[in-house]
Amino acid sequence: MYEDADEGVTEDMFQESIHSVYFDLMLALFEKEDLKKYPDVVQQLRHVNFRDKLFYVIGHYNKTKI
């Protein structure tokens, strides 16, 4: 997120980064075949509220530091 942030990170950049990381983490939980079987579940991942996405991403990265 900070690689191209010479002039800082905007709120939009931060939110887009969290949305993207959250979606990637969620998709990684599924087998490739399951993604095709459950497109409605994948679609619903996009509608999770930002706060829940943020806490999930923070929790994920806090676990990986240990």
C-alpha atoms as a PDB file:
ATOM      1  CA  MET A   1       0.000   0.000   0.000  1.00  0.00           C
ATOM      2  CA  TYR A   2       2.835   2.394   0.768  1.00  0.00           C
ATOM      3  CA  GLU A   3       5.099   1.570  -2.200  1.00  0.00           C
ATOM      4  CA  ASP A   4       3.750   4.378  -4.389  1.00  0.00           C
ATOM      5  CA  ALA A   5       2.790   6.732  -1.576  1.00  0.00           C
ATOM      6  CA  ASP A   6       5.451   9.388  -1.918  1.00  0.00           C
ATOM      7  CA  GLU A   7       2.820  12.038  -1.250  1.00  0.00           C
ATOM      8  CA  GLY A   8       0.890  10.078   1.365  1.00  0.00           C
ATOM      9  CA  VAL A   9      -2.033   7.684   1.362  1.00  0.00           C
ATOM     10  CA  THR A  10      -5.517   8.975   0.743  1.00  0.00           C
ATOM     11  CA  GLU A  11      -8.594   7.557   2.416  1.00  0.00           C
ATOM     12  CA  ASP A  12      -9.682   6.083  -0.920  1.00  0.00           C
ATOM     13  CA  MET A  13      -6.293   4.404  -1.435  1.00  0.00           C
ATOM     14  CA  PHE A  14      -6.408   2.936   2.061  1.00  0.00           C
ATOM     15  CA  GLN A  15      -9.951   1.618   1.678  1.00  0.00           C
ATOM     16  CA  GLU A  16      -9.234   0.117  -1.750  1.00  0.00           C
ATOM     17  CA  SER A  17      -6.158  -1.609  -0.368  1.00  0.00           C
ATOM     18  CA  ILE A  18      -8.100  -3.115   2.536  1.00  0.00           C
ATOM     19  CA  HIS A  19     -10.914  -4.258   0.206  1.00  0.00           C
ATOM     20  CA  SER A  20      -8.394  -5.896  -2.109  1.00  0.00           C
ATOM     21  CA  VAL A  21      -6.400  -7.630   0.629  1.00  0.00           C
ATOM     22  CA  TYR A  22      -9.569  -8.863   2.337  1.00  0.00           C
ATOM     23  CA  PHE A  23     -10.952 -10.283  -0.907  1.00  0.00           C
ATOM     24  CA  ASP A  24      -7.640 -12.012  -1.692  1.00  0.00           C
ATOM     25  CA  LEU A  25      -7.467 -13.524   1.818  1.00  0.00           C
ATOM     26  CA  MET A  26     -11.047 -14.784   1.575  1.00  0.00           C
ATOM     27  CA  LEU A  27     -10.550 -16.300  -1.872  1.00  0.00           C
ATOM     28  CA  ALA A  28      -7.447 -18.100  -0.626  1.00  0.00           C
ATOM     29  CA  LEU A  29      -9.675 -20.034   1.800  1.00  0.00           C
ATOM     30  CA  PHE A  30     -11.513 -21.693  -1.097  1.00  0.00           C
ATOM     31  CA  GLU A  31     -10.322 -24.429  -3.410  1.00  0.00           C
ATOM     32  CA  LYS A  32     -10.318 -23.299  -7.049  1.00  0.00           C
ATOM     33  CA  GLU A  33     -13.197 -25.665  -7.863  1.00  0.00           C
ATOM     34  CA  ASP A  34     -15.281 -24.291  -4.995  1.00  0.00           C
ATOM     35  CA  LEU A  35     -15.025 -20.751  -6.345  1.00  0.00           C
ATOM     36  CA  LYS A  36     -16.940 -21.923  -9.408  1.00  0.00           C
ATOM     37  CA  LYS A  37     -19.490 -23.846  -7.323  1.00  0.00           C
ATOM     38  CA  TYR A  38     -20.357 -20.948  -5.031  1.00  0.00           C
ATOM     39  CA  PRO A  39     -20.318 -17.710  -7.027  1.00  0.00           C
ATOM     40  CA  ASP A  40     -23.021 -16.243  -4.770  1.00  0.00           C
ATOM     41  CA  VAL A  41     -20.776 -16.612  -1.710  1.00  0.00           C
ATOM     42  CA  VAL A  42     -17.885 -14.986  -3.555  1.00  0.00           C
ATOM     43  CA  GLN A  43     -20.175 -12.143  -4.594  1.00  0.00           C
ATOM     44  CA  GLN A  44     -21.341 -11.618  -1.005  1.00  0.00           C
ATOM     45  CA  LEU A  45     -17.729 -11.146   0.113  1.00  0.00           C
ATOM     46  CA  ARG A  46     -17.786  -7.833  -1.720  1.00  0.00           C
ATOM     47  CA  HIS A  47     -20.660  -6.617   0.470  1.00  0.00           C
ATOM     48  CA  VAL A  48     -19.024  -7.110   3.869  1.00  0.00           C
ATOM     49  CA  ASN A  49     -18.797  -3.747   5.633  1.00  0.00           C
ATOM     50  CA  PHE A  50     -15.447  -1.982   5.684  1.00  0.00           C
ATOM     51  CA  ARG A  51     -14.952  -2.169   9.443  1.00  0.00           C
ATOM     52  CA  ASP A  52     -15.269  -5.967   9.443  1.00  0.00           C
ATOM     53  CA  LYS A  53     -12.858  -6.202   6.509  1.00  0.00           C
ATOM     54  CA  LEU A  54     -10.371  -3.961   8.293  1.00  0.00           C
ATOM     55  CA  PHE A  55     -10.465  -5.967  11.535  1.00  0.00           C
ATOM     56  CA  TYR A  56     -10.064  -9.223   9.604  1.00  0.00           C
ATOM     57  CA  VAL A  57      -7.031  -7.925   7.688  1.00  0.00           C
ATOM     58  CA  ILE A  58      -5.448  -6.537  10.870  1.00  0.00           C
ATOM     59  CA  GLY A  59      -6.057  -9.823  12.676  1.00  0.00           C
ATOM     60  CA  HIS A  60      -4.561 -11.794   9.806  1.00  0.00           C
ATOM     61  CA  TYR A  61      -1.377  -9.749   9.759  1.00  0.00           C
ATOM     62  CA  ASN A  62      -1.076  -9.747  13.550  1.00  0.00           C
ATOM     63  CA  LYS A  63      -1.186 -13.567  13.504  1.00  0.00           C
ATOM     64  CA  THR A  64       1.512 -13.771  10.853  1.00  0.00           C
ATOM     65  CA  LYS A  65       3.908 -11.678  12.976  1.00  0.00           C
ATOM     66  CA  ILE A  66       3.889 -14.193  15.832  1.00  0.00           C
END
